[in-house]
């Protein structure tokens, strides 16, 4: 039962992450880079973003392939695959997205940031 839950949770987490990247993060990065692409594309600020955003697509592709390659049938082998392949791939995507979050213009970022999640209720509170 524990292995089934472990496998299920990791597969759901990985699939959800891929969906969030494809439908939220990548479009935000594309909107952000378009602002800088209008200028000199040899500038450091553009190149930094281009490399970072390209890394996201690369690691998201790798995670997607890893998900497709998840073995089935033998629960022990599937759990080991999740531990050895899926979980590290999820970590790579998270790391790449975390770097991009620090670069993408706030208005383009599709998800709440750490401050909004932890202190948002204080920031929205009105003083009486």
N, C-alpha and C. Protein backbone atom coordinates (compact mmCIF):
# COMPACT_ATOMS: atom_id res chain seq x y z
N UNK A 1 0.83 -1.19 0.00
CA UNK A 1 0.00 0.00 0.00
C UNK A 1 0.88 1.26 0.00
N UNK A 2 1.96 1.24 0.79
CA UNK A 2 2.82 2.40 0.86
C UNK A 2 3.53 2.66 -0.47
N UNK A 3 3.98 1.60 -1.12
CA UNK A 3 4.65 1.77 -2.40
C UNK A 3 3.68 2.29 -3.46
N UNK A 4 2.46 1.78 -3.45
CA UNK A 4 1.45 2.25 -4.41
C UNK A 4 1.20 3.74 -4.22
N UNK A 5 1.11 4.15 -2.96
CA UNK A 5 0.88 5.57 -2.67
C UNK A 5 2.08 6.41 -3.11
N UNK A 6 3.28 5.93 -2.84
CA UNK A 6 4.50 6.63 -3.21
C UNK A 6 4.56 6.84 -4.72
N UNK A 7 4.33 5.77 -5.47
CA UNK A 7 4.36 5.83 -6.92
C UNK A 7 3.28 6.77 -7.44
N UNK A 8 2.09 6.61 -6.92
CA UNK A 8 0.97 7.43 -7.35
C UNK A 8 1.23 8.92 -7.10
N UNK A 9 1.71 9.23 -5.91
CA UNK A 9 1.98 10.64 -5.56
C UNK A 9 3.07 11.23 -6.46
N UNK A 10 4.14 10.49 -6.69
CA UNK A 10 5.22 11.01 -7.54
C UNK A 10 4.78 11.18 -8.99
N UNK A 11 4.01 10.24 -9.48
CA UNK A 11 3.53 10.36 -10.86
C UNK A 11 2.59 11.56 -11.01
N UNK A 12 1.71 11.75 -10.04
CA UNK A 12 0.80 12.89 -10.08
C UNK A 12 1.57 14.20 -9.96
N UNK A 13 2.53 14.24 -9.04
CA UNK A 13 3.34 15.44 -8.87
C UNK A 13 4.10 15.78 -10.15
N UNK A 14 4.71 14.80 -10.77
CA UNK A 14 5.48 15.03 -11.99
C UNK A 14 4.57 15.48 -13.13
N UNK A 15 3.44 14.84 -13.30
CA UNK A 15 2.51 15.21 -14.38
C UNK A 15 1.95 16.61 -14.16
N UNK A 16 1.64 16.93 -12.93
CA UNK A 16 1.12 18.26 -12.61
C UNK A 16 2.17 19.32 -12.87
N UNK A 17 3.40 19.03 -12.50
CA UNK A 17 4.49 19.98 -12.73
C UNK A 17 4.69 20.24 -14.22
N UNK A 18 4.66 19.19 -15.02
CA UNK A 18 4.80 19.37 -16.46
C UNK A 18 3.67 20.25 -16.98
N UNK A 19 2.45 20.01 -16.54
CA UNK A 19 1.31 20.81 -16.98
C UNK A 19 1.46 22.28 -16.57
N UNK A 20 1.90 22.51 -15.34
CA UNK A 20 2.09 23.88 -14.86
C UNK A 20 3.16 24.60 -15.66
N UNK A 21 4.22 23.90 -15.98
CA UNK A 21 5.30 24.50 -16.76
C UNK A 21 4.81 24.84 -18.17
N UNK A 22 4.15 23.88 -18.80
CA UNK A 22 3.72 24.07 -20.19
C UNK A 22 2.65 25.15 -20.32
N UNK A 23 1.72 25.22 -19.37
CA UNK A 23 0.59 26.14 -19.51
C UNK A 23 0.77 27.46 -18.76
N UNK A 24 1.73 27.53 -17.85
CA UNK A 24 1.91 28.75 -17.08
C UNK A 24 3.30 29.35 -17.15
N UNK A 25 4.29 28.55 -16.81
CA UNK A 25 5.66 29.06 -16.73
C UNK A 25 6.23 29.41 -18.11
N UNK A 26 6.14 28.49 -19.04
CA UNK A 26 6.70 28.76 -20.37
C UNK A 26 6.05 29.97 -21.04
N UNK A 27 4.71 30.12 -20.99
CA UNK A 27 4.12 31.34 -21.56
C UNK A 27 4.58 32.61 -20.85
N UNK A 28 4.76 32.55 -19.53
CA UNK A 28 5.24 33.71 -18.80
C UNK A 28 6.66 34.07 -19.23
N UNK A 29 7.50 33.05 -19.39
CA UNK A 29 8.87 33.27 -19.84
C UNK A 29 8.89 33.85 -21.25
N UNK A 30 8.00 33.35 -22.11
CA UNK A 30 7.94 33.85 -23.49
C UNK A 30 7.53 35.32 -23.51
N UNK A 31 6.56 35.69 -22.68
CA UNK A 31 6.13 37.09 -22.61
C UNK A 31 7.26 37.96 -22.09
N UNK A 32 7.98 37.47 -21.09
CA UNK A 32 9.07 38.24 -20.51
C UNK A 32 10.22 38.41 -21.50
N UNK A 33 10.62 37.35 -22.16
CA UNK A 33 11.76 37.44 -23.08
C UNK A 33 11.43 38.32 -24.28
N UNK A 34 10.16 38.39 -24.65
CA UNK A 34 9.75 39.23 -25.77
C UNK A 34 10.06 40.70 -25.50
N UNK A 35 9.97 41.11 -24.24
CA UNK A 35 10.29 42.48 -23.87
C UNK A 35 11.75 42.77 -24.16
N UNK A 36 12.61 41.82 -23.84
CA UNK A 36 14.05 42.01 -24.00
C UNK A 36 14.51 41.74 -25.43
N UNK A 37 13.77 40.92 -26.15
CA UNK A 37 14.13 40.59 -27.52
C UNK A 37 13.97 41.80 -28.44
N UNK A 38 13.13 42.73 -28.04
CA UNK A 38 12.93 43.93 -28.85
C UNK A 38 14.18 44.80 -28.91
N UNK A 39 15.04 44.63 -27.92
CA UNK A 39 16.28 45.40 -27.89
C UNK A 39 17.43 44.60 -28.48
N UNK A 40 18.59 44.85 -27.99
CA UNK A 40 19.79 44.17 -28.46
C UNK A 40 19.87 42.78 -27.85
N UNK A 41 19.78 41.75 -28.67
CA UNK A 41 19.76 40.38 -28.18
C UNK A 41 21.13 39.89 -27.72
N UNK A 42 22.13 40.71 -27.84
CA UNK A 42 23.45 40.34 -27.37
C UNK A 42 23.70 40.85 -25.96
N UNK A 43 22.77 41.60 -25.44
CA UNK A 43 22.93 42.15 -24.10
C UNK A 43 22.84 41.04 -23.06
N UNK A 44 23.59 41.24 -22.01
CA UNK A 44 23.68 40.24 -20.94
C UNK A 44 22.31 39.90 -20.33
N UNK A 45 21.47 40.91 -20.16
CA UNK A 45 20.18 40.69 -19.53
C UNK A 45 19.29 39.77 -20.39
N UNK A 46 19.37 39.93 -21.70
CA UNK A 46 18.63 39.06 -22.61
C UNK A 46 19.21 37.64 -22.59
N UNK A 47 20.52 37.55 -22.72
CA UNK A 47 21.16 36.24 -22.78
C UNK A 47 20.95 35.44 -21.50
N UNK A 48 20.97 36.12 -20.37
CA UNK A 48 20.74 35.45 -19.09
C UNK A 48 19.34 34.82 -19.07
N UNK A 49 18.36 35.58 -19.48
CA UNK A 49 16.98 35.08 -19.51
C UNK A 49 16.81 33.96 -20.54
N UNK A 50 17.37 34.17 -21.71
CA UNK A 50 17.23 33.18 -22.77
C UNK A 50 17.78 31.83 -22.33
N UNK A 51 18.94 31.84 -21.70
CA UNK A 51 19.53 30.59 -21.22
C UNK A 51 18.70 29.93 -20.14
N UNK A 52 18.24 30.75 -19.20
CA UNK A 52 17.42 30.22 -18.10
C UNK A 52 16.11 29.63 -18.61
N UNK A 53 15.45 30.36 -19.49
CA UNK A 53 14.15 29.91 -20.00
C UNK A 53 14.30 28.68 -20.89
N UNK A 54 15.40 28.61 -21.60
CA UNK A 54 15.68 27.45 -22.43
C UNK A 54 15.92 26.22 -21.55
N UNK A 55 16.58 26.41 -20.43
CA UNK A 55 16.81 25.32 -19.48
C UNK A 55 15.49 24.72 -19.00
N UNK A 56 14.50 25.57 -18.79
CA UNK A 56 13.20 25.09 -18.33
C UNK A 56 12.60 24.14 -19.35
N UNK A 57 12.62 24.53 -20.60
CA UNK A 57 12.06 23.67 -21.66
C UNK A 57 12.82 22.35 -21.73
N UNK A 58 14.12 22.40 -21.58
CA UNK A 58 14.94 21.19 -21.65
C UNK A 58 14.61 20.22 -20.52
N UNK A 59 14.60 20.72 -19.29
CA UNK A 59 14.35 19.82 -18.16
C UNK A 59 12.89 19.37 -18.10
N UNK A 60 11.98 20.21 -18.58
CA UNK A 60 10.57 19.79 -18.65
C UNK A 60 10.40 18.67 -19.69
N UNK A 61 11.12 18.78 -20.81
CA UNK A 61 11.09 17.71 -21.81
C UNK A 61 11.63 16.41 -21.22
N UNK A 62 12.73 16.52 -20.46
CA UNK A 62 13.32 15.34 -19.83
C UNK A 62 12.35 14.70 -18.84
N UNK A 63 11.66 15.53 -18.06
CA UNK A 63 10.69 15.01 -17.10
C UNK A 63 9.53 14.33 -17.83
N UNK A 64 9.08 14.94 -18.89
CA UNK A 64 7.99 14.35 -19.68
C UNK A 64 8.39 12.98 -20.23
N UNK A 65 9.61 12.87 -20.73
CA UNK A 65 10.11 11.58 -21.24
C UNK A 65 10.25 10.56 -20.11
N UNK A 66 10.70 11.03 -18.96
CA UNK A 66 10.83 10.14 -17.81
C UNK A 66 9.46 9.61 -17.38
N UNK A 67 8.46 10.47 -17.40
CA UNK A 67 7.10 10.03 -17.06
C UNK A 67 6.61 8.96 -18.03
N UNK A 68 6.86 9.19 -19.31
CA UNK A 68 6.44 8.23 -20.33
C UNK A 68 7.16 6.90 -20.18
N UNK A 69 8.37 6.94 -19.62
CA UNK A 69 9.15 5.72 -19.47
C UNK A 69 8.93 4.99 -18.15
N UNK A 70 7.99 5.45 -17.35
CA UNK A 70 7.73 4.80 -16.06
C UNK A 70 7.28 3.37 -16.28
N UNK A 71 8.01 2.42 -15.71
CA UNK A 71 7.63 1.02 -15.88
C UNK A 71 6.34 0.69 -15.12
N UNK A 72 5.67 -0.32 -15.58
CA UNK A 72 4.46 -0.77 -14.88
C UNK A 72 4.55 -2.28 -14.70
N UNK A 73 3.74 -2.78 -13.83
CA UNK A 73 3.70 -4.23 -13.61
C UNK A 73 4.38 -4.65 -12.32
N UNK A 74 5.64 -4.31 -12.16
CA UNK A 74 6.39 -4.67 -10.96
C UNK A 74 6.48 -3.42 -10.08
N UNK A 75 5.73 -3.42 -8.99
CA UNK A 75 5.63 -2.25 -8.13
C UNK A 75 6.99 -1.85 -7.54
N UNK A 76 7.80 -2.82 -7.17
CA UNK A 76 9.13 -2.50 -6.63
C UNK A 76 9.98 -1.76 -7.66
N UNK A 77 9.98 -2.24 -8.90
CA UNK A 77 10.76 -1.60 -9.96
C UNK A 77 10.20 -0.21 -10.28
N UNK A 78 8.90 -0.08 -10.25
CA UNK A 78 8.28 1.22 -10.52
C UNK A 78 8.65 2.22 -9.43
N UNK A 79 8.61 1.78 -8.18
CA UNK A 79 8.98 2.66 -7.06
C UNK A 79 10.44 3.06 -7.14
N UNK A 80 11.31 2.12 -7.50
CA UNK A 80 12.73 2.45 -7.65
C UNK A 80 12.93 3.45 -8.78
N UNK A 81 12.21 3.28 -9.88
CA UNK A 81 12.29 4.21 -11.00
C UNK A 81 11.84 5.60 -10.55
N UNK A 82 10.76 5.64 -9.81
CA UNK A 82 10.27 6.93 -9.31
C UNK A 82 11.32 7.60 -8.42
N UNK A 83 11.94 6.83 -7.57
CA UNK A 83 12.97 7.35 -6.66
C UNK A 83 14.21 7.80 -7.42
N UNK A 84 14.65 6.97 -8.37
CA UNK A 84 15.93 7.21 -9.04
C UNK A 84 15.84 8.11 -10.27
N UNK A 85 14.67 8.17 -10.90
CA UNK A 85 14.55 8.92 -12.15
C UNK A 85 13.56 10.08 -12.04
N UNK A 86 12.32 9.78 -11.65
CA UNK A 86 11.30 10.83 -11.61
C UNK A 86 11.60 11.91 -10.58
N UNK A 87 11.90 11.50 -9.37
CA UNK A 87 12.10 12.48 -8.30
C UNK A 87 13.26 13.43 -8.61
N UNK A 88 14.41 12.95 -9.07
CA UNK A 88 15.48 13.89 -9.45
C UNK A 88 15.08 14.79 -10.63
N UNK A 89 14.31 14.25 -11.57
CA UNK A 89 13.87 15.06 -12.72
C UNK A 89 12.93 16.17 -12.27
N UNK A 90 12.06 15.86 -11.32
CA UNK A 90 11.17 16.88 -10.75
C UNK A 90 12.01 17.97 -10.08
N UNK A 91 13.03 17.57 -9.36
CA UNK A 91 13.91 18.53 -8.70
C UNK A 91 14.60 19.47 -9.68
N UNK A 92 15.03 18.93 -10.81
CA UNK A 92 15.68 19.76 -11.83
C UNK A 92 14.72 20.80 -12.40
N UNK A 93 13.47 20.37 -12.62
CA UNK A 93 12.47 21.31 -13.14
C UNK A 93 12.21 22.40 -12.11
N UNK A 94 12.04 22.00 -10.87
CA UNK A 94 11.80 22.99 -9.81
C UNK A 94 12.94 24.00 -9.71
N UNK A 95 14.16 23.51 -9.76
CA UNK A 95 15.32 24.41 -9.68
C UNK A 95 15.32 25.41 -10.84
N UNK A 96 15.05 24.93 -12.04
CA UNK A 96 15.04 25.81 -13.21
C UNK A 96 13.92 26.84 -13.11
N UNK A 97 12.76 26.40 -12.67
CA UNK A 97 11.61 27.31 -12.53
C UNK A 97 11.88 28.34 -11.43
N UNK A 98 12.49 27.91 -10.33
CA UNK A 98 12.83 28.85 -9.25
C UNK A 98 13.76 29.96 -9.75
N UNK A 99 14.72 29.61 -10.60
CA UNK A 99 15.62 30.62 -11.16
C UNK A 99 14.85 31.59 -12.05
N UNK A 100 13.94 31.06 -12.85
CA UNK A 100 13.17 31.91 -13.75
C UNK A 100 12.24 32.83 -12.98
N UNK A 101 11.69 32.34 -11.89
CA UNK A 101 10.75 33.15 -11.11
C UNK A 101 11.42 34.45 -10.64
N UNK A 102 12.71 34.40 -10.41
CA UNK A 102 13.45 35.59 -9.96
C UNK A 102 13.72 36.56 -11.10
N UNK A 103 13.54 36.10 -12.34
CA UNK A 103 13.81 36.94 -13.50
C UNK A 103 12.56 37.47 -14.19
N UNK A 104 11.51 36.66 -14.23
CA UNK A 104 10.30 37.03 -14.96
C UNK A 104 9.60 38.20 -14.26
N UNK A 105 9.18 39.14 -15.05
CA UNK A 105 8.44 40.28 -14.53
C UNK A 105 7.23 39.79 -13.75
N UNK A 106 7.03 40.34 -12.58
CA UNK A 106 6.00 39.87 -11.65
C UNK A 106 4.61 39.77 -12.30
N UNK A 107 4.27 40.71 -13.12
CA UNK A 107 2.94 40.71 -13.72
C UNK A 107 2.73 39.54 -14.69
N UNK A 108 3.81 38.93 -15.17
CA UNK A 108 3.69 37.79 -16.08
C UNK A 108 3.64 36.46 -15.33
N UNK A 109 4.16 36.43 -14.10
CA UNK A 109 4.27 35.16 -13.38
C UNK A 109 2.88 34.65 -13.02
N UNK A 110 2.55 33.40 -13.39
CA UNK A 110 1.18 32.91 -13.27
C UNK A 110 0.80 32.37 -11.88
N UNK A 111 1.77 32.25 -10.98
CA UNK A 111 1.49 31.63 -9.68
C UNK A 111 1.89 32.56 -8.56
N UNK A 112 1.26 32.43 -7.40
CA UNK A 112 1.67 33.27 -6.27
C UNK A 112 3.09 32.93 -5.83
N UNK A 113 3.82 33.95 -5.41
CA UNK A 113 5.17 33.69 -4.93
C UNK A 113 5.13 33.36 -3.43
N UNK A 114 6.28 33.10 -2.88
CA UNK A 114 6.38 32.69 -1.47
C UNK A 114 5.76 33.73 -0.54
N UNK A 115 6.06 34.99 -0.77
CA UNK A 115 5.52 36.05 0.08
C UNK A 115 4.00 36.08 0.01
N UNK A 116 3.46 35.97 -1.18
CA UNK A 116 2.00 35.99 -1.34
C UNK A 116 1.35 34.79 -0.64
N UNK A 117 2.01 33.64 -0.70
CA UNK A 117 1.46 32.44 -0.07
C UNK A 117 1.49 32.53 1.45
N UNK A 118 2.60 33.03 1.97
CA UNK A 118 2.76 33.02 3.43
C UNK A 118 2.25 34.27 4.11
N UNK A 119 2.30 35.40 3.43
CA UNK A 119 1.90 36.65 4.08
C UNK A 119 0.78 37.38 3.36
N UNK A 120 0.24 36.77 2.33
CA UNK A 120 -0.80 37.41 1.53
C UNK A 120 -2.00 37.85 2.34
N UNK A 121 -2.38 37.05 3.30
CA UNK A 121 -3.54 37.42 4.11
C UNK A 121 -3.25 38.66 4.96
N UNK A 122 -2.00 38.90 5.32
CA UNK A 122 -1.64 40.10 6.05
C UNK A 122 -1.60 41.32 5.12
N UNK A 123 -1.14 41.08 3.91
CA UNK A 123 -1.00 42.16 2.96
C UNK A 123 -2.37 42.66 2.49
N UNK A 124 -3.36 41.76 2.49
CA UNK A 124 -4.70 42.14 2.04
C UNK A 124 -5.56 42.69 3.16
N UNK A 125 -5.12 42.51 4.40
CA UNK A 125 -5.91 42.95 5.54
C UNK A 125 -6.01 44.49 5.54
N UNK A 126 -7.17 44.97 5.86
CA UNK A 126 -7.37 46.41 5.93
C UNK A 126 -7.34 46.84 7.38
N UNK A 127 -6.69 47.94 7.60
CA UNK A 127 -6.64 48.47 8.95
C UNK A 127 -7.95 49.15 9.27
N UNK A 128 -8.41 48.94 10.48
CA UNK A 128 -9.68 49.56 10.89
C UNK A 128 -9.42 50.75 11.74
